[in-house]
Amino acid sequence: MAERSTAAVDVADNSGDEPLTAQADQSTADGVANNRERDTDSDEAQGNPTSEDSGKASPPELHSGHKLARRYRLEECVTRLDGFSSWRAVDEKLRRAVGVHLLPADHARARSVLAAARSSALLGDPRFVQVLDAVEDNDLVYVVHEWLPDATELTALLASGPLEVYDAYQMVSQVASAMAAAHREGLAHLRLSPNAVLRTSTGQWRIRGLAVNAALRGISSDTPQRTDTEAIGALLYATLTQRWPYESDAHGLAGLPKDVGLIPPDQVRAGVHRGLSELAMRALANDGATASRHEAPCTTPEELVKAIGEMPRIRPPEPAYTAPPQYQRTAYQQGAYGRPAPHPGVTQPVPAPPPPLQSRTGKALKWGVSALLIAALGLGSWQLADALMERGGKADDPNQTQTVDGDDKNDEQTKPAKPIDVQGAQEYVASGEAQAPQDVANTYDGDASTFWRTKRYNEGPELAPYKPGVGIVYDLGSAQDVSTASIGLRYTGDHTTVHLYAADALSPSTGVDGMKEIASATTTGTSLTAKASKPVKTRYVLLWMTDVPNAPSDGYSGAGYKQAITDVTFKG
């Protein structure tokens, strides 16, 4: 029987495990397809032991495209460690990205993970990444949580340098108050790190992995409040200095110099806010008072919140004022009309006119310029009269073709399309098994003898309903105007149909139905050109094949419905 729990499920667990805490990595996943596809080669389905053969049900091998509960489709594995894996997945019912942690039901920590997920779900604090589902389904245990596409990890923020004073203050304030609320409900994190703290596009800080990641890794602590408080101090230290407050490097940050001990942030980097520097030391130096001010250490998140409240409030920086460009007076305004009226009794200076050309050279120059102007006017008048007479003669000739200036614009030739270099590619699996992910690069290596091929199917040409389609997502490096795709094929026959879609990533967050179609084409030969009616700007292009021809057997597979792509060229 499948055991399902959501935020409304009782926390009680017969296993007796205490609620643990943990940090969420960048993991998300959910969705496993238990049935093998009917459309794969029959020889590939042989030799797989059944549950009767093994004597014990083992979890199915997971890969992109698997579905859990006929709802969650696994997209990308982001963590695989110590018997569990974490995935980015898509909730097909609600059409949104989610994260999933997966582990076998007979895993030593499976019951603890379920208990931790239920406890975290019941907290319901929006400052934490929410647990959406916790399920034990036969031989699998999986936890589904929010996926925040608009959020950025603190690790990524620190890659470009320390945070501004106000941002660091907001981070420690929000994280400390959130953890204080969690500890009041008996929950700890135990794995707070820059990877577990996210900043959303609205500036809110959120924590992921509460009561789940520590359970996944089997981490516990006799002093959970002190452990989390020290972790918050380390986060604040890192935001102020871009250094990890220990000798070892971690989370992409360099550690402190060896044999110098824990030194305050304002001694590591100039310009650090003194109050935040002391606050970080009070959270980190839990064995006694800090050396600088001899203030009491903070050993719990609640004490840290109180210490933050006693600090002078740090206000956001004033928005930078950019002076408008200097007003340029027009030629009309620079005349007498635009000048300010003179004050009564003030004599305005009159600018002296430039001296006339009174010398002999000046007079000669004036007569020369005048003569040139008269000659130019005469020549222009003669050319104008000649042109008018010629045009009148042509107008009388009914066989004469007349060119209109307005048509010149229509005669301009369209600029030739330029090839777009492919920077990378990845096979896209909507459902079932992958085709040949190891051969994807053969489709843009410039070698027509290499190719990526589909599996052999028993029915066709249309792959549905057994499979919606097969294809590859190409990365063009940056957003490009895509207008044409030239595709080389290996097999001829009736018929091959290809669609081009604009995707949002190498592992798209939506299905094909949620993508914008660029073009489509059908052929019975070995070459196909899909041309868009209007160029579409995108970085990622999905080449999606929905129909394949019936091809004879060769050295790669038997006769059946199949196709192979040898070359793909995009043009903009």
Protein backbone atom coordinates (compact mmCIF):
# COMPACT_ATOMS: atom_id res chain seq x y z
CA MET A 1 0.00 0.00 0.00
CA ALA A 2 1.26 3.42 -0.88
CA GLU A 3 1.53 5.78 2.05
CA ARG A 4 1.11 9.45 1.09
CA SER A 5 1.51 12.50 3.31
CA THR A 6 1.09 16.23 2.69
CA ALA A 7 1.21 19.28 4.92
CA ALA A 8 -1.96 18.12 6.66
CA VAL A 9 -0.66 14.65 7.59
CA ASP A 10 0.02 13.77 11.21
CA VAL A 11 3.68 14.00 12.22
CA ALA A 12 3.51 10.84 14.32
CA ASP A 13 5.56 8.00 12.88
CA ASN A 14 5.62 4.40 14.04
CA SER A 15 9.34 4.18 13.38
CA GLY A 16 10.05 6.27 16.46
CA ASP A 17 12.49 8.52 14.58
CA GLU A 18 12.78 11.98 16.02
CA PRO A 19 12.14 14.86 13.58
CA LEU A 20 15.48 15.79 12.04
CA THR A 21 16.57 18.72 9.97
CA ALA A 22 18.54 19.13 6.81
CA GLN A 23 19.45 21.41 4.03
CA ALA A 24 18.17 21.15 0.49
CA ASP A 25 20.86 21.11 -2.16
CA GLN A 26 19.98 22.11 -5.63
CA SER A 27 17.92 18.99 -5.86
CA THR A 28 14.49 18.48 -7.20
CA ALA A 29 12.89 15.48 -8.70
CA ASP A 30 9.89 13.36 -8.88
CA GLY A 31 8.32 10.97 -11.27
CA VAL A 32 9.28 7.44 -12.24
CA ALA A 33 7.82 5.32 -15.03
CA ASN A 34 7.68 1.69 -13.93
CA ASN A 35 6.52 0.21 -17.24
CA ARG A 36 9.02 -0.33 -20.04
CA GLU A 37 8.08 1.05 -23.41
CA ARG A 38 6.51 -1.23 -26.00
CA ASP A 39 8.29 0.66 -28.73
CA THR A 40 11.86 -0.32 -27.85
CA ASP A 41 13.83 -3.05 -29.55
CA SER A 42 12.85 -6.44 -28.29
CA ASP A 43 16.46 -7.49 -27.75
CA GLU A 44 16.98 -4.58 -25.35
CA ALA A 45 14.16 -5.76 -23.12
CA GLN A 46 15.65 -9.20 -22.62
CA GLY A 47 17.74 -10.23 -19.67
CA ASN A 48 16.11 -7.92 -17.10
CA PRO A 49 15.38 -9.84 -13.90
CA THR A 50 11.86 -9.61 -12.51
CA SER A 51 10.87 -9.34 -8.88
CA GLU A 52 10.23 -13.08 -8.86
CA ASP A 53 13.78 -13.71 -10.13
CA SER A 54 15.47 -11.49 -7.55
CA GLY A 55 13.25 -12.46 -4.65
CA LYS A 56 13.06 -8.85 -3.52
CA ALA A 57 11.59 -5.80 -5.26
CA SER A 58 14.31 -3.31 -6.11
CA PRO A 59 13.64 0.29 -7.13
CA PRO A 60 13.61 0.87 -10.90
CA GLU A 61 16.60 2.51 -12.52
CA LEU A 62 15.85 6.22 -12.67
CA HIS A 63 16.63 8.52 -15.56
CA SER A 64 15.22 11.61 -17.21
CA GLY A 65 11.67 11.04 -18.39
CA HIS A 66 10.56 8.72 -15.58
CA LYS A 67 7.30 9.63 -13.92
CA LEU A 68 6.29 9.28 -10.30
CA ALA A 69 2.61 8.81 -9.46
CA ARG A 70 1.82 9.51 -13.15
CA ARG A 71 2.43 13.15 -12.32
CA TYR A 72 6.03 14.11 -11.61
CA ARG A 73 8.38 13.79 -14.61
CA LEU A 74 12.08 13.63 -13.76
CA GLU A 75 14.12 16.11 -15.80
CA GLU A 76 17.66 16.46 -14.45
CA CYS A 77 19.60 14.73 -11.68
CA VAL A 78 21.42 17.37 -9.63
CA THR A 79 22.70 15.19 -6.76
CA ARG A 80 23.49 11.50 -6.49
CA LEU A 81 25.04 10.61 -3.15
CA ASP A 82 25.04 7.93 -0.47
CA GLY A 83 22.12 5.90 -1.81
CA PHE A 84 19.77 8.79 -2.65
CA SER A 85 19.39 11.17 -5.56
CA SER A 86 17.90 14.65 -6.00
CA TRP A 87 16.22 15.82 -9.19
CA ARG A 88 14.66 18.77 -10.92
CA ALA A 89 11.25 17.60 -12.13
CA VAL A 90 8.00 18.86 -13.62
CA ASP A 91 4.60 18.52 -11.97
CA GLU A 92 2.56 17.80 -15.11
CA LYS A 93 -0.75 18.24 -13.31
CA LEU A 94 0.00 21.82 -12.18
CA ARG A 95 2.54 22.54 -14.95
CA ARG A 96 5.29 23.78 -12.67
CA ALA A 97 8.85 22.85 -11.78
CA VAL A 98 9.42 20.99 -8.52
CA GLY A 99 12.30 19.34 -6.69
CA VAL A 100 12.39 15.69 -5.64
CA HIS A 101 14.58 13.63 -3.30
CA LEU A 102 14.48 9.86 -4.02
CA LEU A 103 15.77 6.87 -2.11
CA PRO A 104 14.87 3.16 -1.86
CA ALA A 105 12.22 2.26 0.70
CA ASP A 106 14.64 -0.19 2.34
CA HIS A 107 17.30 2.52 2.77
CA ALA A 108 18.50 2.83 6.35
CA ARG A 109 17.37 6.47 6.51
CA ALA A 110 14.11 6.21 4.57
CA ARG A 111 11.86 6.39 7.65
CA SER A 112 13.83 9.30 9.09
CA VAL A 113 13.52 11.21 5.82
CA LEU A 114 9.74 10.71 5.77
CA ALA A 115 9.44 11.88 9.38
CA ALA A 116 11.63 14.93 8.71
CA ALA A 117 9.66 15.87 5.57
CA ARG A 118 6.34 15.63 7.40
CA SER A 119 7.61 17.78 10.24
CA SER A 120 8.90 20.41 7.82
CA ALA A 121 5.64 20.40 5.84
CA LEU A 122 3.62 21.03 8.98
CA LEU A 123 5.66 24.13 9.82
CA GLY A 124 4.22 26.01 6.81
CA ASP A 125 6.57 28.99 7.19
CA PRO A 126 6.94 30.84 3.84
CA ARG A 127 10.54 31.69 4.70
CA PHE A 128 11.39 28.04 4.03
CA VAL A 129 11.18 26.18 0.74
CA GLN A 130 7.98 24.20 1.26
CA VAL A 131 7.70 20.41 1.24
CA LEU A 132 4.78 19.61 -1.09
CA ASP A 133 4.55 15.83 -0.75
CA ALA A 134 6.18 12.93 1.08
CA VAL A 135 5.39 9.47 -0.28
CA GLU A 136 6.31 5.87 0.42
CA ASP A 137 5.23 3.94 -2.68
CA ASN A 138 6.17 0.25 -2.64
CA ASP A 139 9.95 0.25 -3.18
CA LEU A 140 10.48 4.02 -3.32
CA VAL A 141 10.42 6.91 -0.88
CA TYR A 142 10.37 10.39 -2.37
CA VAL A 143 9.96 13.94 -1.07
CA VAL A 144 8.63 16.67 -3.37
CA HIS A 145 9.45 20.32 -2.62
CA GLU A 146 9.18 23.74 -4.21
CA TRP A 147 11.47 24.78 -7.06
CA LEU A 148 12.15 28.52 -7.19
CA PRO A 149 13.23 29.45 -10.72
CA ASP A 150 13.58 33.15 -9.82
CA ALA A 151 15.80 32.56 -6.77
CA THR A 152 19.61 32.74 -6.63
CA GLU A 153 21.80 30.81 -4.21
CA LEU A 154 24.00 32.76 -1.84
CA THR A 155 26.92 30.80 -3.33
CA ALA A 156 26.28 32.41 -6.72
CA LEU A 157 25.84 35.86 -5.19
CA LEU A 158 29.19 35.61 -3.40
CA ALA A 159 31.00 34.53 -6.56
CA SER A 160 31.14 38.16 -7.69
CA GLY A 161 32.20 39.58 -4.31
CA PRO A 162 30.94 40.39 -0.79
CA LEU A 163 27.39 41.63 -0.39
CA GLU A 164 26.50 45.25 0.30
CA VAL A 165 26.00 46.13 3.96
CA TYR A 166 22.22 46.38 3.69
CA ASP A 167 21.95 43.02 1.83
CA ALA A 168 24.10 41.28 4.46
CA TYR A 169 21.97 42.81 7.22
CA GLN A 170 18.74 41.63 5.55
CA MET A 171 20.15 38.13 5.05
CA VAL A 172 21.19 37.57 8.66
CA SER A 173 17.98 39.17 10.00
CA GLN A 174 15.63 37.03 7.90
CA VAL A 175 17.58 33.78 8.24
CA ALA A 176 18.01 34.15 12.01
CA SER A 177 14.31 34.93 12.59
CA ALA A 178 13.25 32.01 10.38
CA MET A 179 15.48 29.55 12.22
CA ALA A 180 14.30 30.89 15.58
CA ALA A 181 10.71 30.10 14.51
CA ALA A 182 11.74 26.62 13.37
CA HIS A 183 13.50 25.84 16.66
CA ARG A 184 10.42 26.89 18.59
CA GLU A 185 8.64 24.05 16.77
CA GLY A 186 11.44 21.59 17.54
CA LEU A 187 13.04 21.67 14.07
CA ALA A 188 16.69 22.28 13.28
CA HIS A 189 18.59 22.50 10.00
CA LEU A 190 22.14 21.29 10.81
CA ARG A 191 23.31 21.89 7.20
CA LEU A 192 22.92 25.64 6.76
CA SER A 193 25.38 26.72 4.08
CA PRO A 194 25.47 29.22 1.19
CA ASN A 195 23.87 26.53 -1.00
CA ALA A 196 20.85 26.35 1.30
CA VAL A 197 20.06 30.09 1.39
CA LEU A 198 18.32 31.65 -1.60
CA ARG A 199 17.43 35.23 -2.50
CA THR A 200 14.32 35.68 -4.63
CA SER A 201 13.81 38.35 -7.27
CA THR A 202 11.80 40.39 -4.72
CA GLY A 203 14.71 40.45 -2.25
CA GLN A 204 13.25 37.88 0.16
CA TRP A 205 15.64 35.31 1.66
CA ARG A 206 14.45 31.69 1.85
CA ILE A 207 15.96 28.55 3.34
CA ARG A 208 15.70 25.11 1.77
CA GLY A 209 16.29 21.67 3.21
CA LEU A 210 14.83 22.17 6.70
CA ALA A 211 14.43 18.75 8.34
CA VAL A 212 15.16 16.87 5.12
CA ASN A 213 18.80 17.15 4.03
CA ALA A 214 20.22 16.32 7.42
CA ALA A 215 17.96 13.26 7.50
CA LEU A 216 19.10 12.28 3.99
CA ARG A 217 22.72 12.37 5.15
CA GLY A 218 22.13 10.92 8.62
CA ILE A 219 23.35 14.05 10.44
CA SER A 220 22.36 14.78 14.02
CA SER A 221 23.58 17.03 16.81
CA ASP A 222 23.39 17.13 20.58
CA THR A 223 23.24 20.94 20.43
CA PRO A 224 21.14 21.72 17.33
CA GLN A 225 20.44 25.37 18.24
CA ARG A 226 24.11 26.11 18.76
CA THR A 227 24.99 24.32 15.51
CA ASP A 228 22.50 26.38 13.49
CA THR A 229 23.54 29.63 15.18
CA GLU A 230 27.19 29.04 14.33
CA ALA A 231 26.16 28.28 10.75
CA ILE A 232 24.29 31.62 10.53
CA GLY A 233 27.42 33.34 11.84
CA ALA A 234 29.46 31.64 9.11
CA LEU A 235 26.97 32.84 6.48
CA LEU A 236 27.24 36.43 7.74
CA TYR A 237 31.05 36.17 7.84
CA ALA A 238 31.05 35.00 4.20
CA THR A 239 28.74 37.80 3.01
CA LEU A 240 30.99 40.42 4.64
CA THR A 241 34.38 39.07 3.53
CA GLN A 242 33.81 36.57 0.69
CA ARG A 243 35.85 34.14 2.84
CA TRP A 244 34.83 30.99 4.70
CA PRO A 245 35.57 31.46 8.44
CA TYR A 246 37.61 28.24 8.74
CA GLU A 247 40.97 27.14 7.42
CA SER A 248 39.53 24.80 4.78
CA ASP A 249 38.00 26.09 1.54
CA ALA A 250 34.28 25.40 1.13
CA HIS A 251 31.28 26.37 -1.01
CA GLY A 252 33.48 28.03 -3.60
CA LEU A 253 35.03 30.34 -0.97
CA ALA A 254 38.63 30.48 0.19
CA GLY A 255 39.23 29.72 3.86
CA LEU A 256 41.18 31.82 6.35
CA PRO A 257 44.98 31.71 6.42
CA LYS A 258 46.32 28.82 8.45
CA ASP A 259 47.51 29.27 12.02
CA VAL A 260 45.90 32.71 12.48
CA GLY A 261 42.70 31.52 14.13
CA LEU A 262 39.28 33.10 13.79
CA ILE A 263 39.84 36.79 13.13
CA PRO A 264 36.99 39.35 12.91
CA PRO A 265 35.66 40.21 9.43
CA ASP A 266 36.76 43.85 9.72
CA GLN A 267 40.35 42.59 10.03
CA VAL A 268 39.99 40.44 6.92
CA ARG A 269 38.62 43.15 4.64
CA ALA A 270 38.63 46.94 4.90
CA GLY A 271 35.34 48.79 5.08
CA VAL A 272 33.34 46.04 6.79
CA HIS A 273 30.45 47.29 8.95
CA ARG A 274 31.68 47.14 12.57
CA GLY A 275 28.36 46.10 14.08
CA LEU A 276 27.83 43.21 11.63
CA SER A 277 31.45 42.12 12.10
CA GLU A 278 30.93 41.83 15.87
CA LEU A 279 27.60 40.07 15.34
CA ALA A 280 29.29 37.42 13.18
CA MET A 281 31.92 36.84 15.87
CA ARG A 282 29.29 36.55 18.61
CA ALA A 283 27.56 33.80 16.61
CA LEU A 284 30.79 32.00 15.72
CA ALA A 285 32.76 32.28 18.99
CA ASN A 286 30.39 30.23 21.11
CA ASP A 287 33.05 29.14 23.60
CA GLY A 288 33.23 32.56 25.19
CA ALA A 289 32.97 36.30 24.69
CA THR A 290 34.49 37.91 21.65
CA ALA A 291 37.91 39.44 22.06
CA SER A 292 36.91 42.83 20.68
CA ARG A 293 34.08 43.99 22.93
CA HIS A 294 33.72 41.15 25.45
CA GLU A 295 30.06 40.81 24.64
CA ALA A 296 28.17 37.64 25.42
CA PRO A 297 28.16 35.03 22.62
CA CYS A 298 24.92 34.08 20.87
CA THR A 299 24.26 30.36 21.25
CA THR A 300 20.71 30.15 19.88
CA PRO A 301 18.93 31.75 16.90
CA GLU A 302 16.62 33.50 19.40
CA GLU A 303 19.59 35.21 21.06
CA LEU A 304 20.92 36.16 17.65
CA VAL A 305 17.59 37.76 16.73
CA LYS A 306 17.68 39.73 19.99
CA ALA A 307 21.23 40.90 19.30
CA ILE A 308 20.22 42.08 15.82
CA GLY A 309 17.31 44.00 17.32
CA GLU A 310 19.66 45.85 19.67
CA MET A 311 21.81 47.06 16.77
CA PRO A 312 21.16 50.42 15.10
CA ARG A 313 18.97 49.69 12.12
CA ILE A 314 20.80 49.64 8.79
CA ARG A 315 18.76 51.43 6.17
CA PRO A 316 18.82 50.72 2.44
CA PRO A 317 21.14 52.90 0.38
CA GLU A 318 19.70 55.98 -1.22
CA PRO A 319 19.02 55.54 -4.92
CA ALA A 320 21.76 57.03 -7.03
CA TYR A 321 20.74 60.32 -8.63
CA THR A 322 21.86 60.80 -12.20
CA ALA A 323 21.96 64.40 -13.35
CA PRO A 324 20.00 64.97 -16.55
CA PRO A 325 22.03 65.96 -19.61
CA GLN A 326 22.62 69.67 -20.02
CA TYR A 327 19.82 71.35 -21.93
CA GLN A 328 20.90 72.26 -25.43
CA ARG A 329 19.43 75.49 -26.75
CA THR A 330 18.19 75.43 -30.33
CA ALA A 331 19.45 77.85 -32.96
CA TYR A 332 16.18 79.74 -32.71
CA GLN A 333 16.44 80.02 -28.94
CA GLN A 334 20.03 81.25 -29.21
CA GLY A 335 18.74 84.37 -31.06
CA ALA A 336 17.39 87.50 -29.51
CA TYR A 337 14.01 85.85 -28.80
CA GLY A 338 15.52 83.28 -26.48
CA ARG A 339 17.73 85.65 -24.51
CA PRO A 340 16.70 86.66 -21.00
CA ALA A 341 15.32 90.15 -20.61
CA PRO A 342 17.95 92.63 -19.35
CA HIS A 343 17.61 93.97 -15.85
CA PRO A 344 16.59 97.63 -15.58
CA GLY A 345 19.55 99.97 -15.46
CA VAL A 346 22.05 97.41 -16.71
CA THR A 347 23.75 98.13 -20.01
CA GLN A 348 24.04 95.05 -22.18
CA PRO A 349 27.30 94.69 -24.10
CA VAL A 350 26.88 94.73 -27.86
CA PRO A 351 29.11 92.23 -29.65
CA ALA A 352 31.35 93.88 -32.24
CA PRO A 353 30.78 92.73 -35.83
CA PRO A 354 33.66 90.97 -37.55
CA PRO A 355 35.88 93.29 -39.58
CA PRO A 356 35.03 93.42 -43.34
CA LEU A 357 37.43 92.18 -45.99
CA GLN A 358 38.89 95.58 -46.89
CA SER A 359 42.27 94.47 -48.25
CA ARG A 360 43.02 93.82 -51.92
CA THR A 361 43.16 90.09 -51.26
CA GLY A 362 39.80 90.22 -49.50
CA LYS A 363 38.12 91.99 -52.40
CA ALA A 364 39.50 89.46 -54.88
CA LEU A 365 38.26 86.61 -52.72
CA LYS A 366 34.75 88.12 -52.57
CA TRP A 367 34.56 88.52 -56.37
CA GLY A 368 35.88 84.98 -56.87
CA VAL A 369 33.29 83.44 -54.58
CA SER A 370 30.53 85.42 -56.29
CA ALA A 371 31.63 84.21 -59.73
CA LEU A 372 31.68 80.59 -58.58
CA LEU A 373 28.16 80.89 -57.18
CA ILE A 374 26.83 82.41 -60.43
CA ALA A 375 28.48 79.62 -62.48
CA ALA A 376 27.07 76.91 -60.21
CA LEU A 377 23.56 78.33 -60.46
CA GLY A 378 23.77 78.49 -64.26
CA LEU A 379 25.05 74.93 -64.57
CA GLY A 380 22.38 73.62 -62.21
CA SER A 381 19.60 75.38 -64.14
CA TRP A 382 20.81 73.92 -67.42
CA GLN A 383 20.98 70.36 -66.03
CA LEU A 384 17.52 70.70 -64.52
CA ALA A 385 16.01 71.87 -67.82
CA ASP A 386 17.73 69.07 -69.71
CA ALA A 387 16.43 66.45 -67.25
CA LEU A 388 12.87 67.76 -67.52
CA MET A 389 12.96 67.65 -71.30
CA GLU A 390 14.35 64.10 -71.30
CA ARG A 391 11.68 62.92 -68.85
CA GLY A 392 8.97 64.49 -71.00
CA GLY A 393 10.26 62.64 -74.05
CA LYS A 394 10.25 59.33 -72.22
CA ALA A 395 6.75 59.91 -70.94
CA ASP A 396 5.52 60.15 -74.52
CA ASP A 397 6.96 56.72 -75.37
CA PRO A 398 4.40 54.06 -74.39
CA ASN A 399 7.01 51.28 -74.61
CA GLN A 400 9.36 52.98 -72.19
CA THR A 401 9.53 51.42 -68.68
CA GLN A 402 9.51 54.08 -65.98
CA THR A 403 11.29 53.52 -62.65
CA VAL A 404 9.59 54.85 -59.56
CA ASP A 405 11.73 55.72 -56.55
CA GLY A 406 9.31 54.03 -54.19
CA ASP A 407 9.90 50.68 -55.89
CA ASP A 408 13.62 50.77 -55.19
CA LYS A 409 12.97 49.75 -51.61
CA ASN A 410 11.10 46.65 -52.69
CA ASP A 411 13.97 45.66 -55.00
CA GLU A 412 16.44 45.41 -52.15
CA GLN A 413 17.65 41.86 -51.80
CA THR A 414 17.13 40.03 -48.53
CA LYS A 415 20.32 39.52 -46.61
CA PRO A 416 21.54 35.91 -46.84
CA ALA A 417 20.94 33.81 -43.74
CA LYS A 418 24.06 33.16 -41.67
CA PRO A 419 24.84 29.75 -40.12
CA ILE A 420 24.60 29.59 -36.34
CA ASP A 421 27.20 27.55 -34.45
CA VAL A 422 25.86 24.95 -32.01
CA GLN A 423 27.57 25.17 -28.60
CA GLY A 424 26.09 22.02 -27.09
CA ALA A 425 23.16 19.63 -27.20
CA GLN A 426 21.26 17.15 -25.06
CA GLU A 427 18.68 14.50 -25.88
CA TYR A 428 15.16 15.42 -24.78
CA VAL A 429 13.10 12.58 -23.30
CA ALA A 430 9.41 13.36 -22.88
CA SER A 431 8.53 9.87 -21.67
CA GLY A 432 10.04 6.41 -21.55
CA GLU A 433 13.66 5.66 -22.36
CA ALA A 434 16.31 7.74 -24.06
CA GLN A 435 17.33 6.88 -27.63
CA ALA A 436 21.11 7.37 -27.94
CA PRO A 437 22.21 10.27 -25.68
CA GLN A 438 25.89 9.42 -26.15
CA ASP A 439 25.66 10.15 -29.91
CA VAL A 440 24.01 13.60 -29.77
CA ALA A 441 27.25 15.41 -30.67
CA ASN A 442 27.41 13.48 -33.96
CA THR A 443 24.57 15.63 -35.32
CA TYR A 444 26.63 18.84 -35.40
CA ASP A 445 30.23 17.60 -35.80
CA GLY A 446 30.31 18.35 -39.55
CA ASP A 447 30.84 14.68 -40.40
CA ALA A 448 28.00 13.19 -42.47
CA SER A 449 29.18 9.64 -41.71
CA THR A 450 28.36 9.96 -38.01
CA PHE A 451 24.83 10.17 -36.70
CA TRP A 452 22.38 9.93 -33.79
CA ARG A 453 19.69 7.27 -34.26
CA THR A 454 16.34 6.42 -32.75
CA LYS A 455 15.37 3.00 -31.55
CA ARG A 456 13.42 0.65 -33.81
CA TYR A 457 9.64 0.75 -33.44
CA ASN A 458 7.13 -1.86 -34.56
CA GLU A 459 4.47 0.62 -35.70
CA GLY A 460 4.58 3.93 -37.52
CA PRO A 461 5.27 6.27 -39.15
CA GLU A 462 3.62 8.22 -36.30
CA LEU A 463 5.28 7.33 -32.99
CA ALA A 464 2.19 8.15 -30.89
CA PRO A 465 0.47 6.85 -28.82
CA TYR A 466 3.41 4.75 -27.60
CA LYS A 467 5.76 7.74 -27.62
CA PRO A 468 4.92 11.43 -28.26
CA GLY A 469 8.18 11.92 -30.11
CA VAL A 470 11.97 11.88 -29.85
CA GLY A 471 14.41 14.71 -30.23
CA ILE A 472 17.41 16.81 -29.24
CA VAL A 473 17.69 20.27 -27.60
CA TYR A 474 20.48 22.40 -29.13
CA ASP A 475 22.26 25.23 -27.30
CA LEU A 476 23.16 28.11 -29.67
CA GLY A 477 25.28 29.86 -27.02
CA SER A 478 23.12 32.99 -26.87
CA ALA A 479 19.73 34.20 -28.04
CA GLN A 480 19.69 34.08 -31.85
CA ASP A 481 17.13 34.77 -34.58
CA VAL A 482 16.41 31.26 -35.90
CA SER A 483 14.73 31.07 -39.30
CA THR A 484 15.87 27.81 -40.94
CA ALA A 485 17.13 24.37 -40.00
CA SER A 486 18.73 22.01 -42.55
CA ILE A 487 18.64 18.40 -41.38
CA GLY A 488 20.45 15.42 -42.91
CA LEU A 489 18.74 12.03 -42.48
CA ARG A 490 20.01 8.45 -42.89
CA TYR A 491 16.88 6.61 -43.99
CA THR A 492 14.40 7.36 -46.77
CA GLY A 493 10.77 6.27 -46.97
CA ASP A 494 7.26 7.40 -46.16
CA HIS A 495 7.77 9.58 -44.12
CA THR A 496 9.80 11.74 -41.64
CA THR A 497 8.20 14.71 -39.84
CA VAL A 498 10.26 17.19 -37.80
CA HIS A 499 9.13 20.15 -35.67
CA LEU A 500 11.32 22.93 -34.28
CA TYR A 501 10.44 24.52 -30.93
CA ALA A 502 11.93 27.36 -28.88
CA ALA A 503 12.91 25.89 -25.48
CA ASP A 504 13.92 27.68 -22.27
CA ALA A 505 16.88 25.43 -21.35
CA LEU A 506 18.78 22.29 -22.35
CA SER A 507 16.41 20.53 -19.95
CA PRO A 508 13.17 22.45 -20.64
CA SER A 509 10.90 23.23 -17.70
CA THR A 510 7.77 22.66 -19.79
CA GLY A 511 6.60 19.96 -22.15
CA VAL A 512 6.42 20.36 -25.90
CA ASP A 513 2.88 21.72 -25.58
CA GLY A 514 4.22 24.68 -23.58
CA MET A 515 6.90 25.62 -26.14
CA LYS A 516 6.62 28.01 -29.09
CA GLU A 517 6.80 26.24 -32.46
CA ILE A 518 9.29 27.74 -34.91
CA ALA A 519 8.70 25.57 -37.98
CA SER A 520 7.85 22.05 -39.17
CA ALA A 521 8.50 19.98 -42.30
CA THR A 522 7.94 16.49 -43.74
CA THR A 523 10.07 14.57 -46.23
CA THR A 524 10.49 11.14 -47.80
CA GLY A 525 14.16 11.69 -48.68
CA THR A 526 17.43 12.07 -46.80
CA SER A 527 17.38 15.85 -46.45
CA LEU A 528 14.84 18.15 -44.88
CA THR A 529 14.62 21.94 -44.51
CA ALA A 530 12.31 23.49 -41.91
CA LYS A 531 11.81 27.21 -42.55
CA ALA A 532 10.01 29.60 -40.23
CA SER A 533 7.52 32.10 -41.59
CA LYS A 534 9.09 34.64 -39.24
CA PRO A 535 12.43 34.31 -37.37
CA VAL A 536 12.11 33.39 -33.70
CA LYS A 537 14.70 34.59 -31.18
CA THR A 538 15.83 31.85 -28.80
CA ARG A 539 18.97 30.29 -27.38
CA TYR A 540 17.68 26.72 -27.17
CA VAL A 541 16.01 24.89 -30.07
CA LEU A 542 14.24 21.53 -29.71
CA LEU A 543 14.36 19.34 -32.85
CA TRP A 544 11.33 17.11 -32.29
CA MET A 545 10.67 14.07 -34.54
CA THR A 546 7.11 12.70 -34.45
CA ASP A 547 7.08 10.50 -37.59
CA VAL A 548 9.77 8.10 -38.86
CA PRO A 549 9.85 5.89 -41.99
CA ASN A 550 9.90 2.11 -42.24
CA ALA A 551 13.57 1.33 -42.93
CA PRO A 552 15.29 -2.00 -43.69
CA SER A 553 17.66 -3.73 -41.32
CA ASP A 554 21.31 -2.68 -41.24
CA GLY A 555 24.32 -3.14 -39.05
CA TYR A 556 22.73 -1.12 -36.26
CA SER A 557 19.19 -2.47 -35.88
CA GLY A 558 16.58 -4.66 -37.54
CA ALA A 559 13.88 -3.58 -39.96
CA GLY A 560 11.21 -1.31 -38.54
CA TYR A 561 10.19 2.31 -38.10
CA LYS A 562 13.32 4.30 -37.29
CA GLN A 563 15.42 7.29 -38.35
CA ALA A 564 18.88 8.74 -37.81
CA ILE A 565 20.11 12.35 -37.99
CA THR A 566 23.52 12.93 -39.58
CA ASP A 567 23.83 16.73 -39.69
CA VAL A 568 21.88 19.72 -38.35
CA THR A 569 22.58 23.31 -39.40
CA PHE A 570 20.67 26.33 -38.07
CA LYS A 571 20.53 29.67 -39.85
CA GLY A 572 19.27 33.05 -38.73
